[in-house]
Every structure is written in structure tokens, then in C-alpha cells.
Protein backbone atom coordinates (compact mmCIF):
# COMPACT_ATOMS: atom_id res chain seq x y z
CA MET A 1 -7.63 8.27 -2.71
CA ALA A 2 -9.32 5.22 -4.48
CA TRP A 3 -8.03 3.41 -1.29
CA ASP A 4 -7.00 4.41 1.57
CA VAL A 5 -3.06 3.13 1.80
CA ALA A 6 -3.36 2.53 6.15
CA CYS A 7 -5.57 -0.10 5.60
CA LEU A 8 -2.45 -1.52 3.08
CA GLY A 9 0.00 -1.26 5.76
CA ALA A 10 -2.57 -3.05 7.97
CA ASN A 11 -2.67 -6.53 5.53
CA ILE A 12 1.31 -5.53 4.25
CA GLY A 13 2.44 -9.30 5.17
CA GLU A 14 -1.14 -10.58 3.46
CA ARG A 15 0.19 -12.52 0.47
CA ASP A 16 -2.78 -13.60 -0.52
CA SER A 17 -4.13 -9.66 -0.12
CA LYS A 18 -6.74 -9.05 -3.20
CA ALA A 19 -5.05 -5.14 -3.13
CA LEU A 20 -1.07 -6.73 -3.03
CA ALA A 21 -2.39 -9.55 -5.73
CA ALA A 22 -2.99 -6.77 -8.36
CA PRO A 23 -1.81 -3.39 -6.95
CA HIS A 24 -1.56 -1.96 -10.40
CA VAL A 25 -5.09 -2.32 -10.67
CA ALA A 26 -6.23 -1.12 -6.87
CA PHE A 27 -3.75 2.71 -6.93
CA GLY A 28 -3.52 4.98 -9.48
CA ALA A 29 0.42 6.73 -9.77
CA ALA A 30 -0.08 9.43 -6.75
CA ASP A 31 -1.38 6.89 -4.52
CA TRP A 32 1.34 4.72 -4.81
CA ARG A 33 4.15 7.90 -4.78
CA VAL A 34 1.64 8.77 -1.51
CA PHE A 35 2.53 5.03 -0.48
CA VAL A 36 6.41 5.20 -0.70
CA ARG A 37 7.14 8.05 0.56
CA ARG A 38 4.90 7.13 3.78
CA VAL A 39 7.23 3.86 3.48
CA LYS A 40 10.39 5.25 3.71
CA ARG A 41 9.35 7.46 6.50
CA GLY A 42 8.53 4.65 8.55
CA GLU A 43 5.35 4.89 8.96
CA TYR A 44 4.90 1.28 7.60
CA ASP A 45 6.46 -1.76 9.13
CA LEU A 46 6.97 -3.75 6.34
CA ASN A 47 9.72 -6.68 7.77
């Protein structure tokens, strides 16, 4: 993966995160599918 999705999980609550400001640049489609699958499994707490 271009980015380790786990690092995004640590910063998910930060609005100023550069990875979140331009996610379409930071992640490819396959990376997003992996991230969404992990969120649905409950591996990341987005609250």
C-alpha cells in the first residue's frame, strides 16, 4: 500500500491531518477498500 492505513487510524480525529485533507491523493482505490473493510470490522474507532 502507498500508505499504511494504521497510521490514518491514529490520526482519524484530527481535522488538520494532511492525509484526511486530500484522501483522494493519499490513497488509491484499493487502499480505500482495505480501510473501509477494516472500519466495518471495527478495527478503527471513528468516534
